[in-house]
Protein backbone atom coordinates (compact mmCIF):
# COMPACT_ATOMS: atom_id res chain seq x y z
CA UNK A 1 -27.87 25.43 57.54
CA UNK A 2 -29.79 24.00 60.47
CA UNK A 3 -33.52 23.39 60.62
CA UNK A 4 -36.11 24.05 63.31
CA UNK A 5 -39.84 23.69 63.83
CA UNK A 6 -41.89 26.69 64.95
CA UNK A 7 -45.21 26.34 66.82
CA UNK A 8 -47.48 28.77 68.66
CA UNK A 9 -48.25 28.40 72.35
CA UNK A 10 -52.01 28.24 71.80
CA UNK A 11 -54.55 25.86 70.31
CA UNK A 12 -53.38 22.24 70.40
CA UNK A 13 -49.95 23.43 71.53
CA UNK A 14 -51.25 24.87 74.80
CA UNK A 15 -50.89 21.31 76.17
CA UNK A 16 -47.34 20.48 77.34
CA UNK A 17 -47.90 16.80 76.50
CA UNK A 18 -48.62 17.71 72.88
CA UNK A 19 -45.49 19.86 72.73
CA UNK A 20 -43.46 16.97 74.17
CA UNK A 21 -44.84 14.73 71.42
CA UNK A 22 -43.90 17.32 68.80
CA UNK A 23 -40.40 17.64 70.26
CA UNK A 24 -39.80 13.88 70.20
CA UNK A 25 -41.05 13.64 66.62
CA UNK A 26 -38.79 16.52 65.58
CA UNK A 27 -35.73 14.98 67.21
CA UNK A 28 -36.37 11.56 65.70
CA UNK A 29 -36.96 13.04 62.22
CA UNK A 30 -33.64 14.91 62.25
CA UNK A 31 -34.69 18.50 62.97
CA UNK A 32 -32.22 20.63 64.92
CA UNK A 33 -34.52 22.81 67.03
CA UNK A 34 -38.02 23.49 68.33
CA UNK A 35 -39.17 27.06 68.98
CA UNK A 36 -42.45 28.19 70.53
CA UNK A 37 -44.19 31.54 70.63
CA UNK A 38 -44.48 33.58 73.83
CA UNK A 39 -47.92 35.20 73.97
CA UNK A 40 -50.55 35.67 76.66
CA UNK A 41 -53.53 36.53 74.41
CA UNK A 42 -51.94 37.35 71.01
CA UNK A 43 -54.70 38.93 68.89
CA UNK A 44 -57.72 38.78 71.21
CA UNK A 45 -60.32 38.82 68.46
CA UNK A 46 -58.60 36.16 66.37
CA UNK A 47 -57.74 33.93 69.36
CA UNK A 48 -60.86 34.37 71.48
CA UNK A 49 -61.81 31.07 73.08
CA UNK A 50 -58.43 29.42 72.46
CA UNK A 51 -56.28 28.03 75.25
CA UNK A 52 -52.72 29.30 75.77
CA UNK A 53 -49.81 27.55 77.46
CA UNK A 54 -46.89 29.12 79.29
CA UNK A 55 -43.92 28.80 76.92
CA UNK A 56 -41.40 27.86 79.61
CA UNK A 57 -43.63 25.05 80.89
CA UNK A 58 -44.10 23.85 77.31
CA UNK A 59 -40.35 23.88 76.72
CA UNK A 60 -39.76 22.07 80.01
CA UNK A 61 -41.94 19.23 78.75
CA UNK A 62 -39.99 19.24 75.48
CA UNK A 63 -36.65 19.20 77.31
CA UNK A 64 -37.63 16.24 79.47
CA UNK A 65 -38.66 14.24 76.39
CA UNK A 66 -35.56 14.94 74.24
CA UNK A 67 -31.78 14.93 74.43
CA UNK A 68 -30.43 16.69 71.32
CA UNK A 69 -32.54 19.42 69.74
CA UNK A 70 -32.19 23.08 70.63
CA UNK A 71 -35.14 24.65 72.47
CA UNK A 72 -36.30 28.24 72.84
CA UNK A 73 -38.83 30.97 72.27
CA UNK A 74 -39.34 33.06 69.15
CA UNK A 75 -39.67 35.50 70.66
CA UNK A 76 -40.05 36.40 74.34
CA UNK A 77 -41.22 40.00 74.89
CA UNK A 78 -38.70 41.00 77.54
CA UNK A 79 -40.45 44.36 78.29
CA UNK A 80 -43.53 42.62 79.69
CA UNK A 81 -41.59 40.28 81.97
CA UNK A 82 -39.61 40.81 85.16
CA UNK A 83 -35.96 40.22 84.19
CA UNK A 84 -35.09 38.42 87.43
CA UNK A 85 -37.91 35.90 87.02
CA UNK A 86 -37.12 35.42 83.34
CA UNK A 87 -33.44 34.86 84.15
CA UNK A 88 -34.42 32.10 86.59
CA UNK A 89 -36.72 30.42 84.06
CA UNK A 90 -34.15 30.41 81.28
CA UNK A 91 -31.27 29.27 83.50
CA UNK A 92 -33.39 26.46 84.95
CA UNK A 93 -34.37 25.24 81.48
CA UNK A 94 -30.75 25.52 80.33
CA UNK A 95 -29.68 23.27 83.22
CA UNK A 96 -32.52 20.81 82.69
CA UNK A 97 -31.82 20.51 78.97
CA UNK A 98 -28.05 20.19 79.33
CA UNK A 99 -27.34 23.56 77.72
CA UNK A 100 -29.72 23.42 74.77
CA UNK A 101 -31.54 26.75 75.20
CA UNK A 102 -31.57 29.54 72.62
CA UNK A 103 -33.19 32.70 73.93
CA UNK A 104 -35.19 34.66 71.36
CA UNK A 105 -36.14 38.19 72.45
CA UNK A 106 -38.03 41.16 71.08
CA UNK A 107 -40.85 43.59 71.74
CA UNK A 108 -43.65 41.15 70.97
CA UNK A 109 -47.15 42.33 70.26
CA UNK A 110 -49.82 43.28 69.42
CA UNK A 111 -49.06 46.09 71.86
CA UNK A 112 -52.65 46.93 72.82
CA UNK A 113 -53.63 43.30 73.41
CA UNK A 114 -50.46 42.07 75.07
CA UNK A 115 -49.44 45.22 76.96
CA UNK A 116 -52.20 47.83 77.10
CA UNK A 117 -54.97 45.53 78.28
CA UNK A 118 -52.83 44.59 81.28
CA UNK A 119 -52.00 48.16 82.22
CA UNK A 120 -48.52 48.08 80.69
CA UNK A 121 -46.98 50.84 78.54
CA UNK A 122 -47.58 50.62 74.80
CA UNK A 123 -45.16 53.33 73.64
CA UNK A 124 -42.64 51.53 71.35
CA UNK A 125 -39.84 53.83 72.51
CA UNK A 126 -40.43 52.93 76.16
CA UNK A 127 -40.72 49.24 75.31
CA UNK A 128 -37.47 49.35 73.34
CA UNK A 129 -35.73 50.96 76.33
CA UNK A 130 -37.06 48.23 78.61
CA UNK A 131 -35.96 45.56 76.13
CA UNK A 132 -32.37 46.82 76.00
CA UNK A 133 -32.12 47.35 79.73
CA UNK A 134 -33.75 43.97 80.40
CA UNK A 135 -31.36 42.16 78.05
CA UNK A 136 -28.40 43.74 79.82
CA UNK A 137 -29.74 42.53 83.17
CA UNK A 138 -30.37 39.01 81.86
CA UNK A 139 -26.79 38.82 80.63
CA UNK A 140 -25.50 39.85 84.03
CA UNK A 141 -27.88 37.59 85.98
CA UNK A 142 -26.83 34.54 83.93
CA UNK A 143 -23.18 35.22 84.81
CA UNK A 144 -23.75 34.17 88.42
CA UNK A 145 -21.97 37.33 89.57
CA UNK A 146 -23.38 40.02 91.90
CA UNK A 147 -25.57 42.57 90.15
CA UNK A 148 -26.11 46.19 91.11
CA UNK A 149 -28.11 48.29 88.70
CA UNK A 150 -29.81 51.67 88.75
CA UNK A 151 -31.50 52.32 85.41
CA UNK A 152 -34.52 54.19 84.09
CA UNK A 153 -36.79 51.14 84.30
CA UNK A 154 -35.14 48.60 86.65
CA UNK A 155 -33.25 48.77 89.94
CA UNK A 156 -31.25 45.96 91.53
CA UNK A 157 -29.41 45.97 94.86
CA UNK A 158 -26.61 43.40 95.40
CA UNK A 159 -28.34 40.37 93.90
CA UNK A 160 -26.64 37.16 92.79
CA UNK A 161 -28.78 34.60 90.95
CA UNK A 162 -27.43 31.05 91.18
CA UNK A 163 -26.90 28.75 89.52
CA UNK A 164 -25.46 30.59 86.54
CA UNK A 165 -26.59 29.46 83.12
CA UNK A 166 -25.18 26.10 82.02
CA UNK A 167 -23.96 27.58 78.73
CA UNK A 168 -21.07 29.97 79.15
CA UNK A 169 -20.96 32.86 79.08
CA UNK A 170 -24.76 32.55 78.58
CA UNK A 171 -27.34 31.00 76.25
CA UNK A 172 -27.27 32.41 72.71
CA UNK A 173 -29.53 35.46 72.37
CA UNK A 174 -31.40 35.99 69.09
CA UNK A 175 -33.25 39.24 68.46
CA UNK A 176 -36.47 39.52 66.47
CA UNK A 177 -37.82 42.50 64.57
CA UNK A 178 -39.27 43.67 61.29
CA UNK A 179 -37.03 44.50 58.36
CA UNK A 180 -36.44 47.10 56.91
CA UNK A 181 -36.72 48.68 60.40
CA UNK A 182 -33.11 49.36 61.32
CA UNK A 183 -33.12 49.64 65.15
CA UNK A 184 -34.07 45.97 65.84
CA UNK A 185 -31.30 44.74 63.55
CA UNK A 186 -28.74 47.07 65.15
CA UNK A 187 -29.84 45.54 68.45
CA UNK A 188 -29.44 42.04 66.99
CA UNK A 189 -25.91 42.89 65.87
CA UNK A 190 -24.93 43.30 69.54
CA UNK A 191 -26.03 39.76 70.39
CA UNK A 192 -25.86 36.32 68.75
CA UNK A 193 -28.48 36.18 66.04
CA UNK A 194 -31.21 37.93 64.07
CA UNK A 195 -34.72 36.56 63.60
CA UNK A 196 -36.28 38.98 61.12
CA UNK A 197 -39.79 39.19 59.84
CA UNK A 198 -40.17 41.14 56.64
CA UNK A 199 -42.71 43.81 55.76
CA UNK A 200 -43.05 42.11 52.37
CA UNK A 201 -43.17 38.53 53.73
CA UNK A 202 -45.00 38.02 57.00
CA UNK A 203 -44.94 34.93 59.19
CA UNK A 204 -44.83 31.75 57.08
CA UNK A 205 -43.88 33.44 53.81
CA UNK A 206 -40.37 33.13 52.37
CA UNK A 207 -38.59 36.52 52.26
CA UNK A 208 -37.16 37.92 49.01
CA UNK A 209 -33.51 37.02 48.58
CA UNK A 210 -32.43 40.58 47.78
CA UNK A 211 -33.89 41.80 51.07
CA UNK A 212 -32.13 39.01 52.95
CA UNK A 213 -28.83 40.10 51.42
CA UNK A 214 -29.47 43.70 52.44
CA UNK A 215 -30.31 42.68 56.00
CA UNK A 216 -27.26 40.42 56.36
CA UNK A 217 -24.97 43.15 55.05
CA UNK A 218 -26.52 45.71 57.42
CA UNK A 219 -26.13 43.50 60.50
CA UNK A 220 -22.58 42.54 59.64
CA UNK A 221 -21.69 46.18 59.19
CA UNK A 222 -22.88 46.89 62.75
CA UNK A 223 -21.21 43.92 64.42
CA UNK A 224 -18.65 45.15 66.94
CA UNK A 225 -17.32 41.84 68.23
CA UNK A 226 -14.65 39.30 67.39
CA UNK A 227 -14.82 38.43 63.68
CA UNK A 228 -14.80 34.71 64.52
CA UNK A 229 -17.80 34.99 66.88
CA UNK A 230 -20.75 32.88 65.78
CA UNK A 231 -23.78 34.78 64.54
CA UNK A 232 -27.01 33.28 63.19
CA UNK A 233 -29.48 34.58 60.64
CA UNK A 234 -32.79 32.80 61.11
CA UNK A 235 -35.30 32.79 58.27
CA UNK A 236 -38.55 30.91 58.05
CA UNK A 237 -41.52 29.84 56.01
CA UNK A 238 -43.10 26.75 54.49
CA UNK A 239 -40.58 24.52 52.73
CA UNK A 240 -41.35 21.81 50.16
CA UNK A 241 -40.55 18.19 51.02
CA UNK A 242 -39.23 17.51 47.51
CA UNK A 243 -35.41 17.84 47.69
CA UNK A 244 -35.03 19.60 44.34
CA UNK A 245 -37.68 22.18 45.16
CA UNK A 246 -36.24 22.65 48.64
CA UNK A 247 -32.81 23.28 47.12
CA UNK A 248 -34.27 25.86 44.74
CA UNK A 249 -35.98 27.65 47.63
CA UNK A 250 -33.28 27.52 50.29
CA UNK A 251 -30.07 27.50 48.25
CA UNK A 252 -30.23 31.24 47.44
CA UNK A 253 -31.05 32.03 51.08
CA UNK A 254 -28.01 30.09 52.27
CA UNK A 255 -25.87 31.94 49.74
CA UNK A 256 -27.28 35.21 51.11
CA UNK A 257 -26.16 34.29 54.65
CA UNK A 258 -29.01 32.37 56.30
CA UNK A 259 -27.82 29.81 58.90
CA UNK A 260 -31.18 28.48 60.16
CA UNK A 261 -34.43 27.64 58.41
CA UNK A 262 -37.41 27.82 60.80
CA UNK A 263 -40.35 25.80 59.46
CA UNK A 264 -43.51 27.90 60.06
CA UNK A 265 -47.13 27.81 59.05
CA UNK A 266 -48.69 30.82 57.35
CA UNK A 267 -50.30 33.07 59.95
CA UNK A 268 -53.86 32.84 58.63
CA UNK A 269 -53.67 29.09 57.96
CA UNK A 270 -56.07 26.86 59.86
CA UNK A 271 -53.10 24.52 60.43
CA UNK A 272 -51.21 27.12 62.45
CA UNK A 273 -52.32 25.77 65.84
CA UNK A 274 -53.28 22.18 64.96
CA UNK A 275 -50.98 19.34 65.94
CA UNK A 276 -51.91 16.76 63.28
CA UNK A 277 -50.74 18.66 60.16
CA UNK A 278 -47.68 19.97 61.98
CA UNK A 279 -46.68 16.47 63.04
CA UNK A 280 -47.20 15.26 59.47
CA UNK A 281 -44.72 17.87 58.21
CA UNK A 282 -42.28 17.17 61.02
CA UNK A 283 -42.27 13.44 60.38
CA UNK A 284 -41.40 13.98 56.72
CA UNK A 285 -38.11 15.47 57.94
CA UNK A 286 -36.25 18.72 57.34
CA UNK A 287 -35.26 19.84 53.84
CA UNK A 288 -32.52 17.67 52.34
CA UNK A 289 -29.64 18.96 50.22
């Protein structure tokens, strides 16, 4: 299992310098990755008055300050972005970081705040169509080959985006979604990883082991790729610093198939967007087995 730190892109973490400090601390303490949220307003009522940072600028600061840890978003709402611009941002960060980008993708939300208030569609069916079509375009753009595309939501005429992504054939793509909703996990099965939230265990809460087993079995059943291809199952929550307690918490999840533990604050915690308590947890290091 590998271990990452998860931070929002608002509050203290709207400042790229703070995110660079977090990234350095994480790398020095032995964490394997740093992932940031990708929101423009999130929940407007809950976040009113808070500053937000662009996730790709935040990750650029992190990349310039580090040399080892993986970097990415959890998750980028592809349907509210232009695929060509997003492809450029990800490929540029992949080059800058020396091939350390992991691209997390999903629908995002809340739909009314993050889509509707900007005049974007809020129908989940339409957004899911745009997500799938956008992911296909990103994959093709990162190849560095010419792209022609005529789809229901995007059209491309003889475009080649260079340079191609540093990682070949592309950066790993992880797909987020709520379990037990099946469509997001079928989508994840077509890519490189699943980043589930659970109806019974929201952001920051450890999911039940039996549900993790069900999800892993479902995704594996729908994988239609080489058996040896790498696939990640990313779970998250608040882990104890005591090794014995960490083993009791994470051991069953590893046995169920988890490959990453993403250290996250509980959504309604006052520490969610504050750098000092996050840095304190980071500096104590990832769980030890």
